[in-house]
């Protein structure tokens, strides 16, 4: 039984935030972002003219989901399975997936929410794919998205943050994406051939740790707040470890998918490489030794919006992919080292 992508939708909140604006807002030097990261713009669910949260995660996910359903030419009531992935749910409970289901008017359907970082989108697609292959379901909506305001204390002094914390504000942005997967026969659909999803972090230190500030009471003293933030750092990133391991893991998962499909690297028309940052993605493409013209690379202009980003790549892919063409995508999560990948073919 084949599983086909019928529709893709994405949503990026607000206006693009340039590196010049990042320097104005957070005192992160524009030239530092350009040289170290290479990302030009990103989007935030925060209105910085008012310094307040404008969008919740469920808002972004609803907008992306509606676009995917519309493109699929199905109705919301045709969806019989909903899977969502995020690292930044709106609440610990209720699960954001159920808030989105409510907004979409879905009821009496199984819902699943995965807590994950950059690997989450393909993990969500993997779960839906396997449920659909069982024959018990026909049409699945898979959503992924993230919002950074869970990690961003808007009242703190950004000038006094360590570079290991500042880098995350330049790297990451907000956004959401969704796909509709179906077992229905579609002449112009993109068929999923294979999905790889492997934890490879045994006895390895995390490459990234993120903590929310939501538990810090507002009525405590500034000194107490500083002490808590010192103990519970909002973001800790081993960028050198990420630079070392992510290209290798990306190459491994792409080679595993090529082998499983018996495809040669030069026979594949499209590649969706991991999207940590503009510069990092360029390094990965060079390391894998694929033609850069075949790489679907969007992070330089969208920012790394975590669980939403692979859907932006898929949206670009569906616009370009012709009948008979093949594609391979990879997403690597450095938080505790997970490698995921997907192979696709257009009928």
C-alpha atoms as a PDB file:
ATOM      1  CA  UNK A   1       0.000   0.000   0.000  1.00  0.00           C
ATOM      2  CA  UNK A   2       1.511   3.314  -1.114  1.00  0.00           C
ATOM      3  CA  UNK A   3       1.453   6.463   0.995  1.00  0.00           C
ATOM      4  CA  UNK A   4       1.339   9.703  -0.979  1.00  0.00           C
ATOM      5  CA  UNK A   5       1.794  13.361  -0.087  1.00  0.00           C
ATOM      6  CA  UNK A   6      -1.375  15.099  -1.273  1.00  0.00           C
ATOM      7  CA  UNK A   7      -0.817  18.576   0.118  1.00  0.00           C
ATOM      8  CA  UNK A   8       1.700  20.770   1.941  1.00  0.00           C
ATOM      9  CA  UNK A   9       1.131  24.027   3.809  1.00  0.00           C
ATOM     10  CA  UNK A  10       3.390  26.389   5.776  1.00  0.00           C
ATOM     11  CA  UNK A  11       3.065  29.574   7.782  1.00  0.00           C
ATOM     12  CA  UNK A  12       5.713  32.074   8.910  1.00  0.00           C
ATOM     13  CA  UNK A  13       4.552  34.783  11.326  1.00  0.00           C
ATOM     14  CA  UNK A  14       5.055  38.505  10.913  1.00  0.00           C
ATOM     15  CA  UNK A  15       7.681  40.247   8.824  1.00  0.00           C
ATOM     16  CA  UNK A  16      11.195  38.873   8.220  1.00  0.00           C
ATOM     17  CA  UNK A  17      13.673  40.035  10.869  1.00  0.00           C
ATOM     18  CA  UNK A  18      16.970  41.054   9.244  1.00  0.00           C
ATOM     19  CA  UNK A  19      20.401  40.814  10.845  1.00  0.00           C
ATOM     20  CA  UNK A  20      20.438  44.596  11.121  1.00  0.00           C
ATOM     21  CA  UNK A  21      17.196  44.410  13.093  1.00  0.00           C
ATOM     22  CA  UNK A  22      18.670  41.643  15.271  1.00  0.00           C
ATOM     23  CA  UNK A  23      21.467  44.017  16.245  1.00  0.00           C
ATOM     24  CA  UNK A  24      18.930  46.699  17.148  1.00  0.00           C
ATOM     25  CA  UNK A  25      16.768  44.302  19.168  1.00  0.00           C
ATOM     26  CA  UNK A  26      19.279  42.012  20.862  1.00  0.00           C
ATOM     27  CA  UNK A  27      22.665  43.726  20.475  1.00  0.00           C
ATOM     28  CA  UNK A  28      23.933  40.794  18.387  1.00  0.00           C
ATOM     29  CA  UNK A  29      26.344  42.282  15.879  1.00  0.00           C
ATOM     30  CA  UNK A  30      25.107  42.116  12.288  1.00  0.00           C
ATOM     31  CA  UNK A  31      28.544  41.219  10.904  1.00  0.00           C
ATOM     32  CA  UNK A  32      28.924  38.438  13.515  1.00  0.00           C
ATOM     33  CA  UNK A  33      25.667  36.811  12.363  1.00  0.00           C
ATOM     34  CA  UNK A  34      26.647  37.182   8.700  1.00  0.00           C
ATOM     35  CA  UNK A  35      30.090  35.644   9.165  1.00  0.00           C
ATOM     36  CA  UNK A  36      29.402  32.915  11.732  1.00  0.00           C
ATOM     37  CA  UNK A  37      25.849  31.838  10.879  1.00  0.00           C
ATOM     38  CA  UNK A  38      25.052  33.058   7.378  1.00  0.00           C
ATOM     39  CA  UNK A  39      21.302  33.319   7.976  1.00  0.00           C
ATOM     40  CA  UNK A  40      19.890  36.562   6.582  1.00  0.00           C
ATOM     41  CA  UNK A  41      16.344  36.662   7.986  1.00  0.00           C
ATOM     42  CA  UNK A  42      14.068  34.777  10.368  1.00  0.00           C
ATOM     43  CA  UNK A  43      10.483  35.149  11.637  1.00  0.00           C
ATOM     44  CA  UNK A  44       9.199  35.510  15.193  1.00  0.00           C
ATOM     45  CA  UNK A  45       5.758  35.072  16.749  1.00  0.00           C
ATOM     46  CA  UNK A  46       6.571  38.176  18.796  1.00  0.00           C
ATOM     47  CA  UNK A  47       5.611  41.723  17.858  1.00  0.00           C
ATOM     48  CA  UNK A  48       8.803  43.593  18.698  1.00  0.00           C
ATOM     49  CA  UNK A  49       7.174  46.996  18.261  1.00  0.00           C
ATOM     50  CA  UNK A  50       5.141  46.136  21.366  1.00  0.00           C
ATOM     51  CA  UNK A  51       7.423  43.429  22.803  1.00  0.00           C
ATOM     52  CA  UNK A  52       4.535  41.009  23.187  1.00  0.00           C
ATOM     53  CA  UNK A  53       3.652  37.544  21.912  1.00  0.00           C
ATOM     54  CA  UNK A  54       1.409  37.844  18.841  1.00  0.00           C
ATOM     55  CA  UNK A  55       0.944  34.153  17.910  1.00  0.00           C
ATOM     56  CA  UNK A  56       0.662  30.936  19.882  1.00  0.00           C
ATOM     57  CA  UNK A  57       1.946  27.699  18.410  1.00  0.00           C
ATOM     58  CA  UNK A  58      -1.602  26.461  17.822  1.00  0.00           C
ATOM     59  CA  UNK A  59      -2.267  29.568  15.679  1.00  0.00           C
ATOM     60  CA  UNK A  60       0.706  28.882  13.401  1.00  0.00           C
ATOM     61  CA  UNK A  61      -0.143  25.190  13.132  1.00  0.00           C
ATOM     62  CA  UNK A  62      -3.795  25.833  12.297  1.00  0.00           C
ATOM     63  CA  UNK A  63      -2.841  28.176   9.437  1.00  0.00           C
ATOM     64  CA  UNK A  64      -0.331  25.695   7.991  1.00  0.00           C
ATOM     65  CA  UNK A  65      -2.753  22.777   8.370  1.00  0.00           C
ATOM     66  CA  UNK A  66      -5.584  24.562   6.576  1.00  0.00           C
ATOM     67  CA  UNK A  67      -3.298  25.286   3.629  1.00  0.00           C
ATOM     68  CA  UNK A  68      -2.221  21.623   3.446  1.00  0.00           C
ATOM     69  CA  UNK A  69      -5.811  20.381   3.580  1.00  0.00           C
ATOM     70  CA  UNK A  70      -6.860  22.860   0.892  1.00  0.00           C
ATOM     71  CA  UNK A  71      -4.049  21.754  -1.419  1.00  0.00           C
ATOM     72  CA  UNK A  72      -4.916  18.099  -0.853  1.00  0.00           C
ATOM     73  CA  UNK A  73      -8.479  18.760  -2.072  1.00  0.00           C
ATOM     74  CA  UNK A  74      -9.786  16.851   0.953  1.00  0.00           C
ATOM     75  CA  UNK A  75     -12.162  18.160   3.600  1.00  0.00           C
ATOM     76  CA  UNK A  76     -11.188  18.396   7.293  1.00  0.00           C
ATOM     77  CA  UNK A  77     -13.713  15.645   8.050  1.00  0.00           C
ATOM     78  CA  UNK A  78     -11.784  13.319   5.684  1.00  0.00           C
ATOM     79  CA  UNK A  79      -8.818  13.351   8.101  1.00  0.00           C
ATOM     80  CA  UNK A  80      -8.826  10.245  10.299  1.00  0.00           C
ATOM     81  CA  UNK A  81      -5.412  10.624  11.983  1.00  0.00           C
ATOM     82  CA  UNK A  82      -3.561  13.664  13.375  1.00  0.00           C
ATOM     83  CA  UNK A  83       0.122  13.702  14.378  1.00  0.00           C
ATOM     84  CA  UNK A  84       2.076  16.757  15.528  1.00  0.00           C
ATOM     85  CA  UNK A  85       5.685  17.403  16.532  1.00  0.00           C
ATOM     86  CA  UNK A  86       7.162  20.343  18.436  1.00  0.00           C
ATOM     87  CA  UNK A  87       9.842  21.298  20.929  1.00  0.00           C
ATOM     88  CA  UNK A  88       7.785  24.238  22.164  1.00  0.00           C
ATOM     89  CA  UNK A  89       4.159  23.241  22.965  1.00  0.00           C
ATOM     90  CA  UNK A  90       1.841  25.971  24.150  1.00  0.00           C
ATOM     91  CA  UNK A  91       1.315  24.117  27.450  1.00  0.00           C
ATOM     92  CA  UNK A  92       2.493  20.970  29.149  1.00  0.00           C
ATOM     93  CA  UNK A  93      -1.229  20.096  29.173  1.00  0.00           C
ATOM     94  CA  UNK A  94      -3.389  20.106  27.159  1.00  0.00           C
ATOM     95  CA  UNK A  95      -1.264  18.896  24.285  1.00  0.00           C
ATOM     96  CA  UNK A  96      -1.125  21.486  21.514  1.00  0.00           C
ATOM     97  CA  UNK A  97      -2.146  18.868  18.942  1.00  0.00           C
ATOM     98  CA  UNK A  98      -5.568  18.689  20.595  1.00  0.00           C
ATOM     99  CA  UNK A  99      -5.951  22.468  20.623  1.00  0.00           C
ATOM    100  CA  UNK A 100      -5.194  22.462  16.895  1.00  0.00           C
ATOM    101  CA  UNK A 101      -7.655  19.602  16.312  1.00  0.00           C
ATOM    102  CA  UNK A 102     -10.323  21.669  18.052  1.00  0.00           C
ATOM    103  CA  UNK A 103      -9.550  24.727  15.900  1.00  0.00           C
ATOM    104  CA  UNK A 104      -9.776  22.574  12.761  1.00  0.00           C
ATOM    105  CA  UNK A 105     -13.122  21.104  13.820  1.00  0.00           C
ATOM    106  CA  UNK A 106     -11.745  17.568  14.094  1.00  0.00           C
ATOM    107  CA  UNK A 107     -13.279  15.114  16.533  1.00  0.00           C
ATOM    108  CA  UNK A 108     -13.248  11.364  17.167  1.00  0.00           C
ATOM    109  CA  UNK A 109      -9.802  10.986  15.591  1.00  0.00           C
ATOM    110  CA  UNK A 110      -6.591   9.627  17.163  1.00  0.00           C
ATOM    111  CA  UNK A 111      -4.103  12.408  17.982  1.00  0.00           C
ATOM    112  CA  UNK A 112      -0.417  12.112  18.854  1.00  0.00           C
ATOM    113  CA  UNK A 113       2.109  14.754  19.883  1.00  0.00           C
ATOM    114  CA  UNK A 114       5.864  14.196  19.697  1.00  0.00           C
ATOM    115  CA  UNK A 115       8.302  16.293  21.704  1.00  0.00           C
ATOM    116  CA  UNK A 116      11.316  16.678  19.453  1.00  0.00           C
ATOM    117  CA  UNK A 117      13.665  19.183  17.872  1.00  0.00           C
ATOM    118  CA  UNK A 118      14.900  19.220  14.288  1.00  0.00           C
ATOM    119  CA  UNK A 119      14.167  15.507  13.802  1.00  0.00           C
ATOM    120  CA  UNK A 120      10.531  15.902  14.829  1.00  0.00           C
ATOM    121  CA  UNK A 121       8.978  16.624  11.431  1.00  0.00           C
ATOM    122  CA  UNK A 122      10.259  13.402   9.891  1.00  0.00           C
ATOM    123  CA  UNK A 123       9.465  11.472  13.080  1.00  0.00           C
ATOM    124  CA  UNK A 124       5.875  12.708  12.827  1.00  0.00           C
ATOM    125  CA  UNK A 125       5.676  11.716   9.162  1.00  0.00           C
ATOM    126  CA  UNK A 126       7.202   8.343  10.073  1.00  0.00           C
ATOM    127  CA  UNK A 127       4.488   7.623  12.648  1.00  0.00           C
ATOM    128  CA  UNK A 128       1.664   8.645  10.310  1.00  0.00           C
ATOM    129  CA  UNK A 129       3.240   6.677   7.457  1.00  0.00           C
ATOM    130  CA  UNK A 130       3.322   3.477   9.520  1.00  0.00           C
ATOM    131  CA  UNK A 131      -0.270   3.922  10.713  1.00  0.00           C
ATOM    132  CA  UNK A 132      -1.423   4.427   7.121  1.00  0.00           C
ATOM    133  CA  UNK A 133       0.531   1.387   5.936  1.00  0.00           C
ATOM    134  CA  UNK A 134      -1.397  -0.694   8.465  1.00  0.00           C
ATOM    135  CA  UNK A 135      -4.552  -0.131   6.452  1.00  0.00           C
ATOM    136  CA  UNK A 136      -6.508   1.136   9.466  1.00  0.00           C
ATOM    137  CA  UNK A 137      -6.409   4.766   8.308  1.00  0.00           C
ATOM    138  CA  UNK A 138      -6.784   6.561   4.981  1.00  0.00           C
ATOM    139  CA  UNK A 139      -5.830  10.231   5.409  1.00  0.00           C
ATOM    140  CA  UNK A 140      -3.389  11.647   7.952  1.00  0.00           C
ATOM    141  CA  UNK A 141      -2.622  15.265   8.777  1.00  0.00           C
ATOM    142  CA  UNK A 142       0.932  15.716  10.081  1.00  0.00           C
ATOM    143  CA  UNK A 143       1.944  19.067  11.574  1.00  0.00           C
ATOM    144  CA  UNK A 144       5.231  20.445  12.896  1.00  0.00           C
ATOM    145  CA  UNK A 145       6.010  23.837  14.359  1.00  0.00           C
ATOM    146  CA  UNK A 146       7.904  25.833  16.935  1.00  0.00           C
ATOM    147  CA  UNK A 147       7.812  29.224  18.644  1.00  0.00           C
ATOM    148  CA  UNK A 148      10.848  30.671  20.404  1.00  0.00           C
ATOM    149  CA  UNK A 149       9.075  32.782  23.009  1.00  0.00           C
ATOM    150  CA  UNK A 150       9.163  29.831  25.447  1.00  0.00           C
ATOM    151  CA  UNK A 151      12.938  30.411  25.629  1.00  0.00           C
ATOM    152  CA  UNK A 152      12.961  34.177  25.315  1.00  0.00           C
ATOM    153  CA  UNK A 153      12.729  36.341  28.431  1.00  0.00           C
ATOM    154  CA  UNK A 154      11.800  39.675  26.856  1.00  0.00           C
ATOM    155  CA  UNK A 155      12.802  41.594  30.001  1.00  0.00           C
ATOM    156  CA  UNK A 156      16.386  40.401  30.254  1.00  0.00           C
ATOM    157  CA  UNK A 157      19.517  42.367  29.349  1.00  0.00           C
ATOM    158  CA  UNK A 158      20.599  40.755  26.089  1.00  0.00           C
ATOM    159  CA  UNK A 159      23.932  42.622  26.135  1.00  0.00           C
ATOM    160  CA  UNK A 160      25.058  40.530  29.123  1.00  0.00           C
ATOM    161  CA  UNK A 161      24.193  37.102  27.647  1.00  0.00           C
ATOM    162  CA  UNK A 162      26.922  34.615  26.785  1.00  0.00           C
ATOM    163  CA  UNK A 163      27.603  33.890  23.103  1.00  0.00           C
ATOM    164  CA  UNK A 164      26.345  30.295  23.645  1.00  0.00           C
ATOM    165  CA  UNK A 165      22.934  31.799  24.467  1.00  0.00           C
ATOM    166  CA  UNK A 166      22.940  34.630  21.932  1.00  0.00           C
ATOM    167  CA  UNK A 167      23.648  32.304  19.031  1.00  0.00           C
ATOM    168  CA  UNK A 168      20.234  30.679  19.426  1.00  0.00           C
ATOM    169  CA  UNK A 169      18.391  33.968  18.935  1.00  0.00           C
ATOM    170  CA  UNK A 170      20.227  34.433  15.620  1.00  0.00           C
ATOM    171  CA  UNK A 171      19.808  30.798  14.544  1.00  0.00           C
ATOM    172  CA  UNK A 172      16.203  30.072  15.394  1.00  0.00           C
ATOM    173  CA  UNK A 173      12.887  31.542  14.356  1.00  0.00           C
ATOM    174  CA  UNK A 174       9.230  30.597  14.450  1.00  0.00           C
ATOM    175  CA  UNK A 175       7.022  28.832  11.941  1.00  0.00           C
ATOM    176  CA  UNK A 176       4.883  25.800  11.203  1.00  0.00           C
ATOM    177  CA  UNK A 177       4.214  23.374   8.392  1.00  0.00           C
ATOM    178  CA  UNK A 178       1.895  20.488   7.615  1.00  0.00           C
ATOM    179  CA  UNK A 179       1.362  17.683   5.120  1.00  0.00           C
ATOM    180  CA  UNK A 180      -1.632  15.549   4.244  1.00  0.00           C
ATOM    181  CA  UNK A 181      -0.656  11.922   3.650  1.00  0.00           C
ATOM    182  CA  UNK A 182      -3.054   9.481   2.030  1.00  0.00           C
ATOM    183  CA  UNK A 183      -3.371   5.937   0.761  1.00  0.00           C
ATOM    184  CA  UNK A 184      -5.632   7.201  -2.028  1.00  0.00           C
ATOM    185  CA  UNK A 185      -4.346   6.759  -5.559  1.00  0.00           C
ATOM    186  CA  UNK A 186      -3.166  10.060  -7.019  1.00  0.00           C
ATOM    187  CA  UNK A 187      -1.603  10.379 -10.464  1.00  0.00           C
ATOM    188  CA  UNK A 188       0.363  13.505  -9.563  1.00  0.00           C
ATOM    189  CA  UNK A 189       1.221  12.670  -5.959  1.00  0.00           C
ATOM    190  CA  UNK A 190       4.669  12.316  -4.406  1.00  0.00           C
ATOM    191  CA  UNK A 191       5.077   8.843  -2.963  1.00  0.00           C
ATOM    192  CA  UNK A 192       7.035   8.087   0.211  1.00  0.00           C
ATOM    193  CA  UNK A 193       9.473   5.264  -0.479  1.00  0.00           C
ATOM    194  CA  UNK A 194      11.232   4.947   2.853  1.00  0.00           C
ATOM    195  CA  UNK A 195      11.812   6.718   6.169  1.00  0.00           C
ATOM    196  CA  UNK A 196      14.803   6.316   8.488  1.00  0.00           C
ATOM    197  CA  UNK A 197      14.577   7.358  12.144  1.00  0.00           C
ATOM    198  CA  UNK A 198      17.437   6.392  14.473  1.00  0.00           C
ATOM    199  CA  UNK A 199      18.635   7.519  17.886  1.00  0.00           C
ATOM    200  CA  UNK A 200      22.441   7.410  17.864  1.00  0.00           C
ATOM    201  CA  UNK A 201      23.190   9.290  21.091  1.00  0.00           C
ATOM    202  CA  UNK A 202      24.235   6.422  23.365  1.00  0.00           C
ATOM    203  CA  UNK A 203      26.902   7.648  25.828  1.00  0.00           C
ATOM    204  CA  UNK A 204      27.189  10.983  23.991  1.00  0.00           C
ATOM    205  CA  UNK A 205      26.777  14.397  25.588  1.00  0.00           C
ATOM    206  CA  UNK A 206      23.859  16.478  24.254  1.00  0.00           C
ATOM    207  CA  UNK A 207      24.778  18.959  21.557  1.00  0.00           C
ATOM    208  CA  UNK A 208      22.012  21.314  22.655  1.00  0.00           C
ATOM    209  CA  UNK A 209      19.956  21.864  25.803  1.00  0.00           C
ATOM    210  CA  UNK A 210      16.964  24.227  25.985  1.00  0.00           C
ATOM    211  CA  UNK A 211      15.066  25.280  29.135  1.00  0.00           C
ATOM    212  CA  UNK A 212      11.918  27.346  29.539  1.00  0.00           C
ATOM    213  CA  UNK A 213      11.804  30.378  31.799  1.00  0.00           C
ATOM    214  CA  UNK A 214       8.088  29.979  32.430  1.00  0.00           C
ATOM    215  CA  UNK A 215       8.575  28.653  35.972  1.00  0.00           C
ATOM    216  CA  UNK A 216      10.303  31.807  37.270  1.00  0.00           C
ATOM    217  CA  UNK A 217       7.795  33.823  39.358  1.00  0.00           C
ATOM    218  CA  UNK A 218       7.458  37.488  38.407  1.00  0.00           C
ATOM    219  CA  UNK A 219       7.208  38.661  42.022  1.00  0.00           C
ATOM    220  CA  UNK A 220      10.701  37.586  43.104  1.00  0.00           C
ATOM    221  CA  UNK A 221      13.635  39.991  43.221  1.00  0.00           C
ATOM    222  CA  UNK A 222      15.826  40.717  40.199  1.00  0.00           C
ATOM    223  CA  UNK A 223      18.768  39.155  42.041  1.00  0.00           C
ATOM    224  CA  UNK A 224      16.834  35.917  42.588  1.00  0.00           C
ATOM    225  CA  UNK A 225      15.822  35.899  38.935  1.00  0.00           C
ATOM    226  CA  UNK A 226      19.463  36.263  37.880  1.00  0.00           C
ATOM    227  CA  UNK A 227      20.493  33.420  40.185  1.00  0.00           C
ATOM    228  CA  UNK A 228      17.786  31.133  38.775  1.00  0.00           C
ATOM    229  CA  UNK A 229      18.749  31.971  35.209  1.00  0.00           C
ATOM    230  CA  UNK A 230      22.372  31.248  36.008  1.00  0.00           C
ATOM    231  CA  UNK A 231      21.373  27.817  37.298  1.00  0.00           C
ATOM    232  CA  UNK A 232      18.789  27.114  34.586  1.00  0.00           C
ATOM    233  CA  UNK A 233      20.395  28.475  31.422  1.00  0.00           C
ATOM    234  CA  UNK A 234      17.819  29.083  28.707  1.00  0.00           C
ATOM    235  CA  UNK A 235      20.037  27.662  25.984  1.00  0.00           C
ATOM    236  CA  UNK A 236      23.290  25.773  25.895  1.00  0.00           C
ATOM    237  CA  UNK A 237      24.769  24.751  22.574  1.00  0.00           C
ATOM    238  CA  UNK A 238      27.979  22.902  21.748  1.00  0.00           C
ATOM    239  CA  UNK A 239      28.351  24.432  18.311  1.00  0.00           C
ATOM    240  CA  UNK A 240      31.749  22.821  17.703  1.00  0.00           C
ATOM    241  CA  UNK A 241      30.283  19.347  18.321  1.00  0.00           C
ATOM    242  CA  UNK A 242      27.400  20.166  15.993  1.00  0.00           C
ATOM    243  CA  UNK A 243      29.795  21.346  13.267  1.00  0.00           C
ATOM    244  CA  UNK A 244      31.774  18.127  13.682  1.00  0.00           C
ATOM    245  CA  UNK A 245      28.992  15.549  13.833  1.00  0.00           C
ATOM    246  CA  UNK A 246      25.999  16.850  11.853  1.00  0.00           C
ATOM    247  CA  UNK A 247      27.672  16.669   8.401  1.00  0.00           C
ATOM    248  CA  UNK A 248      28.839  13.107   9.118  1.00  0.00           C
ATOM    249  CA  UNK A 249      25.395  12.019  10.334  1.00  0.00           C
ATOM    250  CA  UNK A 250      23.771  13.671   7.306  1.00  0.00           C
ATOM    251  CA  UNK A 251      26.038  11.775   4.942  1.00  0.00           C
ATOM    252  CA  UNK A 252      25.328   8.512   6.767  1.00  0.00           C
ATOM    253  CA  UNK A 253      21.543   8.778   6.553  1.00  0.00           C
ATOM    254  CA  UNK A 254      21.602   9.812   2.884  1.00  0.00           C
ATOM    255  CA  UNK A 255      23.896   6.893   2.030  1.00  0.00           C
ATOM    256  CA  UNK A 256      21.615   4.515   3.971  1.00  0.00           C
ATOM    257  CA  UNK A 257      18.597   5.701   1.988  1.00  0.00           C
ATOM    258  CA  UNK A 258      20.447   5.461  -1.332  1.00  0.00           C
ATOM    259  CA  UNK A 259      21.435   1.904  -0.463  1.00  0.00           C
ATOM    260  CA  UNK A 260      17.928   0.900   0.628  1.00  0.00           C
ATOM    261  CA  UNK A 261      16.469   2.186  -2.667  1.00  0.00           C
ATOM    262  CA  UNK A 262      19.391   0.971  -4.787  1.00  0.00           C
ATOM    263  CA  UNK A 263      19.795   4.506  -6.152  1.00  0.00           C
ATOM    264  CA  UNK A 264      23.050   6.152  -7.198  1.00  0.00           C
ATOM    265  CA  UNK A 265      23.745   9.586  -5.751  1.00  0.00           C
ATOM    266  CA  UNK A 266      23.833  11.260  -9.153  1.00  0.00           C
ATOM    267  CA  UNK A 267      20.520   9.631 -10.117  1.00  0.00           C
ATOM    268  CA  UNK A 268      18.631  11.597  -7.460  1.00  0.00           C
ATOM    269  CA  UNK A 269      17.323  14.922  -8.758  1.00  0.00           C
ATOM    270  CA  UNK A 270      16.582  16.651  -5.432  1.00  0.00           C
ATOM    271  CA  UNK A 271      18.161  16.697  -1.967  1.00  0.00           C
ATOM    272  CA  UNK A 272      16.726  18.227   1.198  1.00  0.00           C
ATOM    273  CA  UNK A 273      19.772  18.714   3.479  1.00  0.00           C
ATOM    274  CA  UNK A 274      19.540  19.568   7.201  1.00  0.00           C
ATOM    275  CA  UNK A 275      18.866  23.272   7.779  1.00  0.00           C
ATOM    276  CA  UNK A 276      20.682  24.467  10.900  1.00  0.00           C
ATOM    277  CA  UNK A 277      21.938  27.740   9.409  1.00  0.00           C
ATOM    278  CA  UNK A 278      22.894  29.185   6.052  1.00  0.00           C
ATOM    279  CA  UNK A 279      26.624  28.524   6.437  1.00  0.00           C
ATOM    280  CA  UNK A 280      26.206  25.133   8.090  1.00  0.00           C
ATOM    281  CA  UNK A 281      23.899  23.856   5.353  1.00  0.00           C
ATOM    282  CA  UNK A 282      26.423  24.922   2.697  1.00  0.00           C
ATOM    283  CA  UNK A 283      29.103  22.953   4.568  1.00  0.00           C
ATOM    284  CA  UNK A 284      26.860  19.875   4.732  1.00  0.00           C
ATOM    285  CA  UNK A 285      26.138  20.034   0.990  1.00  0.00           C
ATOM    286  CA  UNK A 286      29.878  20.260   0.284  1.00  0.00           C
ATOM    287  CA  UNK A 287      30.676  17.423   2.690  1.00  0.00           C
ATOM    288  CA  UNK A 288      28.064  15.109   1.170  1.00  0.00           C
ATOM    289  CA  UNK A 289      29.415  16.058  -2.260  1.00  0.00           C
ATOM    290  CA  UNK A 290      26.088  16.698  -3.925  1.00  0.00           C
ATOM    291  CA  UNK A 291      25.421  19.246  -6.640  1.00  0.00           C
ATOM    292  CA  UNK A 292      24.362  22.446  -4.851  1.00  0.00           C
ATOM    293  CA  UNK A 293      21.807  23.095  -7.611  1.00  0.00           C
ATOM    294  CA  UNK A 294      19.992  19.934  -6.455  1.00  0.00           C
ATOM    295  CA  UNK A 295      19.821  21.067  -2.816  1.00  0.00           C
ATOM    296  CA  UNK A 296      16.605  22.640  -1.522  1.00  0.00           C
ATOM    297  CA  UNK A 297      17.981  25.124   0.963  1.00  0.00           C
ATOM    298  CA  UNK A 298      15.664  27.686   2.580  1.00  0.00           C
ATOM    299  CA  UNK A 299      17.093  28.325   6.058  1.00  0.00           C
ATOM    300  CA  UNK A 300      19.121  31.352   4.972  1.00  0.00           C
ATOM    301  CA  UNK A 301      15.846  33.275   4.570  1.00  0.00           C
ATOM    302  CA  UNK A 302      13.437  31.491   6.926  1.00  0.00           C
ATOM    303  CA  UNK A 303      15.683  30.918   9.921  1.00  0.00           C
ATOM    304  CA  UNK A 304      15.727  27.550  11.644  1.00  0.00           C
ATOM    305  CA  UNK A 305      12.138  27.088  12.793  1.00  0.00           C
ATOM    306  CA  UNK A 306      12.762  23.537  13.997  1.00  0.00           C
ATOM    307  CA  UNK A 307       9.790  21.268  13.412  1.00  0.00           C
ATOM    308  CA  UNK A 308       8.364  23.592  10.763  1.00  0.00           C
ATOM    309  CA  UNK A 309      11.382  23.750   8.478  1.00  0.00           C
ATOM    310  CA  UNK A 310      11.282  20.390   6.623  1.00  0.00           C
ATOM    311  CA  UNK A 311       7.749  21.246   5.513  1.00  0.00           C
ATOM    312  CA  UNK A 312       9.041  24.430   3.875  1.00  0.00           C
ATOM    313  CA  UNK A 313      11.554  22.269   2.000  1.00  0.00           C
ATOM    314  CA  UNK A 314       8.799  19.829   1.005  1.00  0.00           C
ATOM    315  CA  UNK A 315       6.661  22.708  -0.223  1.00  0.00           C
ATOM    316  CA  UNK A 316       9.505  23.913  -2.456  1.00  0.00           C
ATOM    317  CA  UNK A 317      10.139  20.337  -3.603  1.00  0.00           C
ATOM    318  CA  UNK A 318       6.563  19.746  -4.727  1.00  0.00           C
ATOM    319  CA  UNK A 319       6.724  22.880  -6.883  1.00  0.00           C
ATOM    320  CA  UNK A 320       9.874  21.621  -8.656  1.00  0.00           C
ATOM    321  CA  UNK A 321       9.477  17.851  -8.794  1.00  0.00           C
ATOM    322  CA  UNK A 322       8.573  16.310 -12.146  1.00  0.00           C
ATOM    323  CA  UNK A 323       7.142  12.884 -12.957  1.00  0.00           C
ATOM    324  CA  UNK A 324       9.690  10.128 -12.376  1.00  0.00           C
ATOM    325  CA  UNK A 325      12.042  12.294 -10.310  1.00  0.00           C
ATOM    326  CA  UNK A 326      13.467  11.218  -6.952  1.00  0.00           C
ATOM    327  CA  UNK A 327      14.304  13.076  -3.763  1.00  0.00           C
ATOM    328  CA  UNK A 328      16.108  12.347  -0.515  1.00  0.00           C
ATOM    329  CA  UNK A 329      15.866  14.442   2.630  1.00  0.00           C
ATOM    330  CA  UNK A 330      17.700  14.380   5.954  1.00  0.00           C
ATOM    331  CA  UNK A 331      17.071  16.053   9.314  1.00  0.00           C
ATOM    332  CA  UNK A 332      19.524  15.775  12.193  1.00  0.00           C
ATOM    333  CA  UNK A 333      18.771  16.553  15.824  1.00  0.00           C
ATOM    334  CA  UNK A 334      21.826  17.438  17.882  1.00  0.00           C
ATOM    335  CA  UNK A 335      20.062  17.704  21.252  1.00  0.00           C
ATOM    336  CA  UNK A 336      20.733  13.998  21.902  1.00  0.00           C
ATOM    337  CA  UNK A 337      21.811  12.955  18.406  1.00  0.00           C
ATOM    338  CA  UNK A 338      19.014  11.619  16.218  1.00  0.00           C
ATOM    339  CA  UNK A 339      19.283  11.106  12.472  1.00  0.00           C
ATOM    340  CA  UNK A 340      16.196  10.966  10.281  1.00  0.00           C
ATOM    341  CA  UNK A 341      15.741  10.754   6.533  1.00  0.00           C
ATOM    342  CA  UNK A 342      13.117  10.253   3.841  1.00  0.00           C
ATOM    343  CA  UNK A 343      13.133   9.074   0.220  1.00  0.00           C
ATOM    344  CA  UNK A 344      10.448  10.176  -2.227  1.00  0.00           C
ATOM    345  CA  UNK A 345       9.467   9.606  -5.854  1.00  0.00           C
ATOM    346  CA  UNK A 346       6.926  11.391  -8.041  1.00  0.00           C
ATOM    347  CA  UNK A 347       4.620   9.105 -10.007  1.00  0.00           C
END
